[in-house]
Amino acid sequence: MVYCDNVSVIYLAGNPAQHQCTKHIEMNIHFVREKVTRGQVRVLHVPSRYQIADIFTKGLPLVLFEDFRDNLSVRRPPASTAGVF
């Protein structure tokens, strides 16, 4: 299973029809489409609120950052490191 928060990508992964706006998409979508067609991969929607990988790729509000950090079992430092060289 592949979880994705982009509804358009989920649609493209499961729809083999070519549209004018998708004419120049990268080859990896064809790879994913083939796997979906064969039943080897399922692309499922996950709301952005639960997309933990966003902690590595986006600036997040503090509450969301702390929630994702806790889900990854990463602890806060024992003492403040601000201003320490």
PDB file of N, CA and C in Angstrom:
ATOM      1  N   MET A   1       0.836  -1.172   0.000  1.00  0.00           N
ATOM      2  CA  MET A   1       0.000   0.000   0.000  1.00  0.00           C
ATOM      3  C   MET A   1       0.886   1.243   0.000  1.00  0.00           C
ATOM      4  N   VAL A   2       0.472   2.221  -0.777  1.00  0.00           N
ATOM      5  CA  VAL A   2       1.150   3.509  -0.823  1.00  0.00           C
ATOM      6  C   VAL A   2       0.128   4.551  -0.386  1.00  0.00           C
ATOM      7  N   TYR A   3       0.491   5.331   0.610  1.00  0.00           N
ATOM      8  CA  TYR A   3      -0.399   6.372   1.097  1.00  0.00           C
ATOM      9  C   TYR A   3       0.036   7.718   0.530  1.00  0.00           C
ATOM     10  N   CYS A   4      -0.941   8.504   0.096  1.00  0.00           N
ATOM     11  CA  CYS A   4      -0.651   9.773  -0.551  1.00  0.00           C
ATOM     12  C   CYS A   4      -1.710  10.791  -0.126  1.00  0.00           C
ATOM     13  N   ASP A   5      -1.282  12.045   0.075  1.00  0.00           N
ATOM     14  CA  ASP A   5      -2.256  13.075   0.442  1.00  0.00           C
ATOM     15  C   ASP A   5      -2.674  13.921  -0.753  1.00  0.00           C
ATOM     16  N   ASN A   6      -2.239  13.550  -1.947  1.00  0.00           N
ATOM     17  CA  ASN A   6      -2.572  14.288  -3.154  1.00  0.00           C
ATOM     18  C   ASN A   6      -3.622  13.507  -3.957  1.00  0.00           C
ATOM     19  N   VAL A   7      -4.853  13.991  -3.946  1.00  0.00           N
ATOM     20  CA  VAL A   7      -5.960  13.293  -4.599  1.00  0.00           C
ATOM     21  C   VAL A   7      -5.732  13.173  -6.112  1.00  0.00           C
ATOM     22  N   SER A   8      -5.140  14.182  -6.726  1.00  0.00           N
ATOM     23  CA  SER A   8      -4.876  14.134  -8.169  1.00  0.00           C
ATOM     24  C   SER A   8      -3.907  13.020  -8.521  1.00  0.00           C
ATOM     25  N   VAL A   9      -2.887  12.832  -7.719  1.00  0.00           N
ATOM     26  CA  VAL A   9      -1.922  11.759  -7.961  1.00  0.00           C
ATOM     27  C   VAL A   9      -2.589  10.395  -7.816  1.00  0.00           C
ATOM     28  N   ILE A  10      -3.458  10.256  -6.844  1.00  0.00           N
ATOM     29  CA  ILE A  10      -4.173   8.991  -6.655  1.00  0.00           C
ATOM     30  C   ILE A  10      -5.018   8.695  -7.890  1.00  0.00           C
ATOM     31  N   TYR A  11      -5.697   9.711  -8.425  1.00  0.00           N
ATOM     32  CA  TYR A  11      -6.498   9.543  -9.631  1.00  0.00           C
ATOM     33  C   TYR A  11      -5.624   9.133 -10.813  1.00  0.00           C
ATOM     34  N   LEU A  12      -4.492   9.812 -10.991  1.00  0.00           N
ATOM     35  CA  LEU A  12      -3.601   9.499 -12.113  1.00  0.00           C
ATOM     36  C   LEU A  12      -3.020   8.093 -12.004  1.00  0.00           C
ATOM     37  N   ALA A  13      -2.752   7.654 -10.785  1.00  0.00           N
ATOM     38  CA  ALA A  13      -2.173   6.321 -10.597  1.00  0.00           C
ATOM     39  C   ALA A  13      -3.146   5.225 -11.024  1.00  0.00           C
ATOM     40  N   GLY A  14      -4.429   5.464 -10.852  1.00  0.00           N
ATOM     41  CA  GLY A  14      -5.413   4.439 -11.176  1.00  0.00           C
ATOM     42  C   GLY A  14      -6.093   4.602 -12.509  1.00  0.00           C
ATOM     43  N   ASN A  15      -5.827   5.711 -13.217  1.00  0.00           N
ATOM     44  CA  ASN A  15      -6.504   5.987 -14.476  1.00  0.00           C
ATOM     45  C   ASN A  15      -5.494   5.929 -15.624  1.00  0.00           C
ATOM     46  N   PRO A  16      -5.573   4.906 -16.463  1.00  0.00           N
ATOM     47  CA  PRO A  16      -4.600   4.766 -17.544  1.00  0.00           C
ATOM     48  C   PRO A  16      -4.815   5.729 -18.713  1.00  0.00           C
ATOM     49  N   ALA A  17      -5.923   6.429 -18.745  1.00  0.00           N
ATOM     50  CA  ALA A  17      -6.182   7.348 -19.861  1.00  0.00           C
ATOM     51  C   ALA A  17      -5.212   8.514 -19.824  1.00  0.00           C
ATOM     52  N   GLN A  18      -4.727   8.911 -20.971  1.00  0.00           N
ATOM     53  CA  GLN A  18      -3.847  10.065 -21.074  1.00  0.00           C
ATOM     54  C   GLN A  18      -4.684  11.314 -21.341  1.00  0.00           C
ATOM     55  N   HIS A  19      -4.397  12.360 -20.659  1.00  0.00           N
ATOM     56  CA  HIS A  19      -5.072  13.628 -20.862  1.00  0.00           C
ATOM     57  C   HIS A  19      -4.035  14.649 -21.312  1.00  0.00           C
ATOM     58  N   GLN A  20      -4.473  15.711 -21.938  1.00  0.00           N
ATOM     59  CA  GLN A  20      -3.562  16.729 -22.449  1.00  0.00           C
ATOM     60  C   GLN A  20      -2.668  17.295 -21.340  1.00  0.00           C
ATOM     61  N   CYS A  21      -3.235  17.509 -20.169  1.00  0.00           N
ATOM     62  CA  CYS A  21      -2.448  18.117 -19.091  1.00  0.00           C
ATOM     63  C   CYS A  21      -1.446  17.152 -18.465  1.00  0.00           C
ATOM     64  N   THR A  22      -1.555  15.868 -18.742  1.00  0.00           N
ATOM     65  CA  THR A  22      -0.626  14.886 -18.179  1.00  0.00           C
ATOM     66  C   THR A  22       0.319  14.324 -19.228  1.00  0.00           C
ATOM     67  N   LYS A  23       0.405  14.986 -20.350  1.00  0.00           N
ATOM     68  CA  LYS A  23       1.206  14.474 -21.463  1.00  0.00           C
ATOM     69  C   LYS A  23       2.683  14.353 -21.108  1.00  0.00           C
ATOM     70  N   HIS A  24       3.186  15.227 -20.286  1.00  0.00           N
ATOM     71  CA  HIS A  24       4.612  15.261 -20.009  1.00  0.00           C
ATOM     72  C   HIS A  24       4.963  14.820 -18.589  1.00  0.00           C
ATOM     73  N   ILE A  25       4.152  13.958 -18.014  1.00  0.00           N
ATOM     74  CA  ILE A  25       4.469  13.495 -16.664  1.00  0.00           C
ATOM     75  C   ILE A  25       5.655  12.550 -16.705  1.00  0.00           C
ATOM     76  N   GLU A  26       6.299  12.391 -15.581  1.00  0.00           N
ATOM     77  CA  GLU A  26       7.510  11.587 -15.519  1.00  0.00           C
ATOM     78  C   GLU A  26       7.198  10.094 -15.657  1.00  0.00           C
ATOM     79  N   MET A  27       8.224   9.353 -15.966  1.00  0.00           N
ATOM     80  CA  MET A  27       8.084   7.913 -16.210  1.00  0.00           C
ATOM     81  C   MET A  27       7.648   7.148 -14.964  1.00  0.00           C
ATOM     82  N   ASN A  28       7.957   7.652 -13.764  1.00  0.00           N
ATOM     83  CA  ASN A  28       7.627   6.892 -12.564  1.00  0.00           C
ATOM     84  C   ASN A  28       6.120   6.696 -12.395  1.00  0.00           C
ATOM     85  N   ILE A  29       5.294   7.613 -12.922  1.00  0.00           N
ATOM     86  CA  ILE A  29       3.844   7.408 -12.822  1.00  0.00           C
ATOM     87  C   ILE A  29       3.421   6.222 -13.666  1.00  0.00           C
ATOM     88  N   HIS A  30       4.104   5.978 -14.775  1.00  0.00           N
ATOM     89  CA  HIS A  30       3.784   4.810 -15.597  1.00  0.00           C
ATOM     90  C   HIS A  30       4.140   3.522 -14.861  1.00  0.00           C
ATOM     91  N   PHE A  31       5.236   3.548 -14.131  1.00  0.00           N
ATOM     92  CA  PHE A  31       5.638   2.407 -13.310  1.00  0.00           C
ATOM     93  C   PHE A  31       4.569   2.116 -12.262  1.00  0.00           C
ATOM     94  N   VAL A  32       4.113   3.166 -11.575  1.00  0.00           N
ATOM     95  CA  VAL A  32       3.091   2.999 -10.540  1.00  0.00           C
ATOM     96  C   VAL A  32       1.782   2.513 -11.161  1.00  0.00           C
ATOM     97  N   ARG A  33       1.381   3.098 -12.290  1.00  0.00           N
ATOM     98  CA  ARG A  33       0.148   2.660 -12.961  1.00  0.00           C
ATOM     99  C   ARG A  33       0.190   1.178 -13.296  1.00  0.00           C
ATOM    100  N   GLU A  34       1.328   0.726 -13.796  1.00  0.00           N
ATOM    101  CA  GLU A  34       1.470  -0.689 -14.144  1.00  0.00           C
ATOM    102  C   GLU A  34       1.293  -1.565 -12.910  1.00  0.00           C
ATOM    103  N   LYS A  35       1.893  -1.173 -11.794  1.00  0.00           N
ATOM    104  CA  LYS A  35       1.776  -1.939 -10.548  1.00  0.00           C
ATOM    105  C   LYS A  35       0.335  -1.927 -10.029  1.00  0.00           C
ATOM    106  N   VAL A  36      -0.349  -0.786 -10.171  1.00  0.00           N
ATOM    107  CA  VAL A  36      -1.753  -0.696  -9.742  1.00  0.00           C
ATOM    108  C   VAL A  36      -2.617  -1.597 -10.609  1.00  0.00           C
ATOM    109  N   THR A  37      -2.391  -1.575 -11.919  1.00  0.00           N
ATOM    110  CA  THR A  37      -3.159  -2.404 -12.848  1.00  0.00           C
ATOM    111  C   THR A  37      -2.988  -3.888 -12.533  1.00  0.00           C
ATOM    112  N   ARG A  38      -1.784  -4.284 -12.183  1.00  0.00           N
ATOM    113  CA  ARG A  38      -1.497  -5.691 -11.849  1.00  0.00           C
ATOM    114  C   ARG A  38      -1.976  -6.076 -10.454  1.00  0.00           C
ATOM    115  N   GLY A  39      -2.421  -5.101  -9.682  1.00  0.00           N
ATOM    116  CA  GLY A  39      -2.890  -5.378  -8.332  1.00  0.00           C
ATOM    117  C   GLY A  39      -1.759  -5.532  -7.327  1.00  0.00           C
ATOM    118  N   GLN A  40      -0.548  -5.140  -7.703  1.00  0.00           N
ATOM    119  CA  GLN A  40       0.607  -5.259  -6.809  1.00  0.00           C
ATOM    120  C   GLN A  40       0.724  -4.075  -5.852  1.00  0.00           C
ATOM    121  N   VAL A  41       0.098  -2.960  -6.201  1.00  0.00           N
ATOM    122  CA  VAL A  41       0.162  -1.738  -5.392  1.00  0.00           C
ATOM    123  C   VAL A  41      -1.223  -1.137  -5.302  1.00  0.00           C
ATOM    124  N   ARG A  42      -1.548  -0.632  -4.132  1.00  0.00           N
ATOM    125  CA  ARG A  42      -2.773   0.148  -3.957  1.00  0.00           C
ATOM    126  C   ARG A  42      -2.363   1.524  -3.474  1.00  0.00           C
ATOM    127  N   VAL A  43      -2.889   2.559  -4.107  1.00  0.00           N
ATOM    128  CA  VAL A  43      -2.604   3.935  -3.710  1.00  0.00           C
ATOM    129  C   VAL A  43      -3.832   4.446  -2.967  1.00  0.00           C
ATOM    130  N   LEU A  44      -3.638   4.770  -1.697  1.00  0.00           N
ATOM    131  CA  LEU A  44      -4.742   5.179  -0.848  1.00  0.00           C
ATOM    132  C   LEU A  44      -4.536   6.600  -0.344  1.00  0.00           C
ATOM    133  N   HIS A  45      -5.642   7.287  -0.123  1.00  0.00           N
ATOM    134  CA  HIS A  45      -5.595   8.661   0.360  1.00  0.00           C
ATOM    135  C   HIS A  45      -5.383   8.678   1.870  1.00  0.00           C
ATOM    136  N   VAL A  46      -4.501   9.544   2.303  1.00  0.00           N
ATOM    137  CA  VAL A  46      -4.328   9.836   3.723  1.00  0.00           C
ATOM    138  C   VAL A  46      -4.376  11.356   3.859  1.00  0.00           C
ATOM    139  N   PRO A  47      -5.230  11.876   4.715  1.00  0.00           N
ATOM    140  CA  PRO A  47      -5.304  13.329   4.878  1.00  0.00           C
ATOM    141  C   PRO A  47      -3.951  13.897   5.307  1.00  0.00           C
ATOM    142  N   SER A  48      -3.653  15.108   4.913  1.00  0.00           N
ATOM    143  CA  SER A  48      -2.383  15.751   5.252  1.00  0.00           C
ATOM    144  C   SER A  48      -2.127  15.754   6.757  1.00  0.00           C
ATOM    145  N   ARG A  49      -3.181  15.803   7.523  1.00  0.00           N
ATOM    146  CA  ARG A  49      -3.059  15.810   8.993  1.00  0.00           C
ATOM    147  C   ARG A  49      -2.332  14.563   9.498  1.00  0.00           C
ATOM    148  N   TYR A  50      -2.372  13.469   8.736  1.00  0.00           N
ATOM    149  CA  TYR A  50      -1.762  12.218   9.159  1.00  0.00           C
ATOM    150  C   TYR A  50      -0.558  11.825   8.309  1.00  0.00           C
ATOM    151  N   GLN A  51      -0.068  12.725   7.488  1.00  0.00           N
ATOM    152  CA  GLN A  51       1.064  12.440   6.600  1.00  0.00           C
ATOM    153  C   GLN A  51       2.360  12.760   7.355  1.00  0.00           C
ATOM    154  N   ILE A  52       2.827  11.801   8.147  1.00  0.00           N
ATOM    155  CA  ILE A  52       3.965  12.017   9.029  1.00  0.00           C
ATOM    156  C   ILE A  52       5.226  12.398   8.258  1.00  0.00           C
ATOM    157  N   ALA A  53       5.364  11.948   7.025  1.00  0.00           N
ATOM    158  CA  ALA A  53       6.555  12.276   6.231  1.00  0.00           C
ATOM    159  C   ALA A  53       6.699  13.778   6.025  1.00  0.00           C
ATOM    160  N   ASP A  54       5.628  14.544   6.189  1.00  0.00           N
ATOM    161  CA  ASP A  54       5.695  16.002   6.022  1.00  0.00           C
ATOM    162  C   ASP A  54       6.679  16.645   6.994  1.00  0.00           C
ATOM    163  N   ILE A  55       6.976  15.981   8.107  1.00  0.00           N
ATOM    164  CA  ILE A  55       7.923  16.549   9.072  1.00  0.00           C
ATOM    165  C   ILE A  55       9.299  16.716   8.436  1.00  0.00           C
ATOM    166  N   PHE A  56       9.614  15.915   7.426  1.00  0.00           N
ATOM    167  CA  PHE A  56      10.916  15.974   6.768  1.00  0.00           C
ATOM    168  C   PHE A  56      10.941  16.916   5.567  1.00  0.00           C
ATOM    169  N   THR A  57       9.771  17.336   5.082  1.00  0.00           N
ATOM    170  CA  THR A  57       9.734  18.074   3.825  1.00  0.00           C
ATOM    171  C   THR A  57       9.055  19.434   3.892  1.00  0.00           C
ATOM    172  N   LYS A  58       8.375  19.759   5.005  1.00  0.00           N
ATOM    173  CA  LYS A  58       7.600  20.995   5.062  1.00  0.00           C
ATOM    174  C   LYS A  58       7.805  21.705   6.389  1.00  0.00           C
ATOM    175  N   GLY A  59       7.614  23.000   6.354  1.00  0.00           N
ATOM    176  CA  GLY A  59       7.520  23.758   7.594  1.00  0.00           C
ATOM    177  C   GLY A  59       6.121  23.542   8.147  1.00  0.00           C
ATOM    178  N   LEU A  60       6.030  23.102   9.380  1.00  0.00           N
ATOM    179  CA  LEU A  60       4.737  22.757   9.963  1.00  0.00           C
ATOM    180  C   LEU A  60       4.425  23.646  11.158  1.00  0.00           C
ATOM    181  N   PRO A  61       3.128  23.829  11.451  1.00  0.00           N
ATOM    182  CA  PRO A  61       2.769  24.496  12.703  1.00  0.00           C
ATOM    183  C   PRO A  61       3.336  23.688  13.879  1.00  0.00           C
ATOM    184  N   LEU A  62       3.680  24.354  14.959  1.00  0.00           N
ATOM    185  CA  LEU A  62       4.329  23.708  16.093  1.00  0.00           C
ATOM    186  C   LEU A  62       3.550  22.504  16.616  1.00  0.00           C
ATOM    187  N   VAL A  63       2.244  22.636  16.741  1.00  0.00           N
ATOM    188  CA  VAL A  63       1.433  21.533  17.277  1.00  0.00           C
ATOM    189  C   VAL A  63       1.541  20.298  16.389  1.00  0.00           C
ATOM    190  N   LEU A  64       1.454  20.492  15.085  1.00  0.00           N
ATOM    191  CA  LEU A  64       1.553  19.376  14.147  1.00  0.00           C
ATOM    192  C   LEU A  64       2.963  18.786  14.161  1.00  0.00           C
ATOM    193  N   PHE A  65       3.979  19.652  14.196  1.00  0.00           N
ATOM    194  CA  PHE A  65       5.364  19.190  14.265  1.00  0.00           C
ATOM    195  C   PHE A  65       5.582  18.317  15.503  1.00  0.00           C
ATOM    196  N   GLU A  66       5.121  18.795  16.648  1.00  0.00           N
ATOM    197  CA  GLU A  66       5.305  18.030  17.886  1.00  0.00           C
ATOM    198  C   GLU A  66       4.555  16.706  17.845  1.00  0.00           C
ATOM    199  N   ASP A  67       3.370  16.700  17.258  1.00  0.00           N
ATOM    200  CA  ASP A  67       2.598  15.459  17.132  1.00  0.00           C
ATOM    201  C   ASP A  67       3.334  14.450  16.255  1.00  0.00           C
ATOM    202  N   PHE A  68       3.831  14.896  15.108  1.00  0.00           N
ATOM    203  CA  PHE A  68       4.574  14.005  14.218  1.00  0.00           C
ATOM    204  C   PHE A  68       5.860  13.523  14.877  1.00  0.00           C
ATOM    205  N   ARG A  69       6.568  14.439  15.541  1.00  0.00           N
ATOM    206  CA  ARG A  69       7.806  14.067  16.236  1.00  0.00           C
ATOM    207  C   ARG A  69       7.535  12.982  17.273  1.00  0.00           C
ATOM    208  N   ASP A  70       6.454  13.140  18.029  1.00  0.00           N
ATOM    209  CA  ASP A  70       6.110  12.144  19.039  1.00  0.00           C
ATOM    210  C   ASP A  70       5.759  10.800  18.399  1.00  0.00           C
ATOM    211  N   ASN A  71       5.081  10.838  17.260  1.00  0.00           N
ATOM    212  CA  ASN A  71       4.744   9.592  16.563  1.00  0.00           C
ATOM    213  C   ASN A  71       5.972   8.858  16.049  1.00  0.00           C
ATOM    214  N   LEU A  72       7.052   9.596  15.815  1.00  0.00           N
ATOM    215  CA  LEU A  72       8.305   8.984  15.366  1.00  0.00           C
ATOM    216  C   LEU A  72       9.190   8.573  16.547  1.00  0.00           C
ATOM    217  N   SER A  73       8.678   8.745  17.763  1.00  0.00           N
ATOM    218  CA  SER A  73       9.416   8.417  18.996  1.00  0.00           C
ATOM    219  C   SER A  73      10.719   9.193  19.124  1.00  0.00           C
ATOM    220  N   VAL A  74      10.720  10.426  18.655  1.00  0.00           N
ATOM    221  CA  VAL A  74      11.872  11.309  18.807  1.00  0.00           C
ATOM    222  C   VAL A  74      11.586  12.182  20.022  1.00  0.00           C
ATOM    223  N   ARG A  75      12.531  12.221  20.934  1.00  0.00           N
ATOM    224  CA  ARG A  75      12.337  12.988  22.168  1.00  0.00           C
ATOM    225  C   ARG A  75      12.954  14.368  22.059  1.00  0.00           C
ATOM    226  N   ARG A  76      12.435  15.275  22.860  1.00  0.00           N
ATOM    227  CA  ARG A  76      13.022  16.611  22.968  1.00  0.00           C
ATOM    228  C   ARG A  76      14.381  16.471  23.629  1.00  0.00           C
ATOM    229  N   PRO A  77      15.325  17.386  23.333  1.00  0.00           N
ATOM    230  CA  PRO A  77      16.617  17.350  24.020  1.00  0.00           C
ATOM    231  C   PRO A  77      16.414  17.585  25.516  1.00  0.00           C
ATOM    232  N   PRO A  78      17.273  17.005  26.359  1.00  0.00           N
ATOM    233  CA  PRO A  78      17.080  17.150  27.814  1.00  0.00           C
ATOM    234  C   PRO A  78      17.257  18.582  28.299  1.00  0.00           C
ATOM    235  N   ALA A  79      18.023  19.398  27.576  1.00  0.00           N
ATOM    236  CA  ALA A  79      18.229  20.794  27.984  1.00  0.00           C
ATOM    237  C   ALA A  79      18.224  21.656  26.729  1.00  0.00           C
ATOM    238  N   SER A  80      17.958  22.926  26.906  1.00  0.00           N
ATOM    239  CA  SER A  80      17.951  23.842  25.790  1.00  0.00           C
ATOM    240  C   SER A  80      19.356  23.961  25.199  1.00  0.00           C
ATOM    241  N   THR A  81      19.426  23.907  23.886  1.00  0.00           N
ATOM    242  CA  THR A  81      20.717  24.063  23.205  1.00  0.00           C
ATOM    243  C   THR A  81      20.816  25.422  22.522  1.00  0.00           C
ATOM    244  N   ALA A  82      19.871  26.296  22.784  1.00  0.00           N
ATOM    245  CA  ALA A  82      19.864  27.614  22.154  1.00  0.00           C
ATOM    246  C   ALA A  82      21.067  28.424  22.624  1.00  0.00           C
ATOM    247  N   GLY A  83      21.811  28.966  21.696  1.00  0.00           N
ATOM    248  CA  GLY A  83      22.942  29.815  22.021  1.00  0.00           C
ATOM    249  C   GLY A  83      24.198  29.075  22.418  1.00  0.00           C
ATOM    250  N   VAL A  84      24.175  27.743  22.374  1.00  0.00           N
ATOM    251  CA  VAL A  84      25.347  26.955  22.752  1.00  0.00           C
ATOM    252  C   VAL A  84      26.143  26.623  21.504  1.00  0.00           C
ATOM    253  N   PHE A  85      27.464  26.806  21.555  1.00  0.00           N
ATOM    254  CA  PHE A  85      28.310  26.494  20.406  1.00  0.00           C
ATOM    255  C   PHE A  85      29.170  25.314  20.683  1.00  0.00           C
TER     256      PHE A  85
END
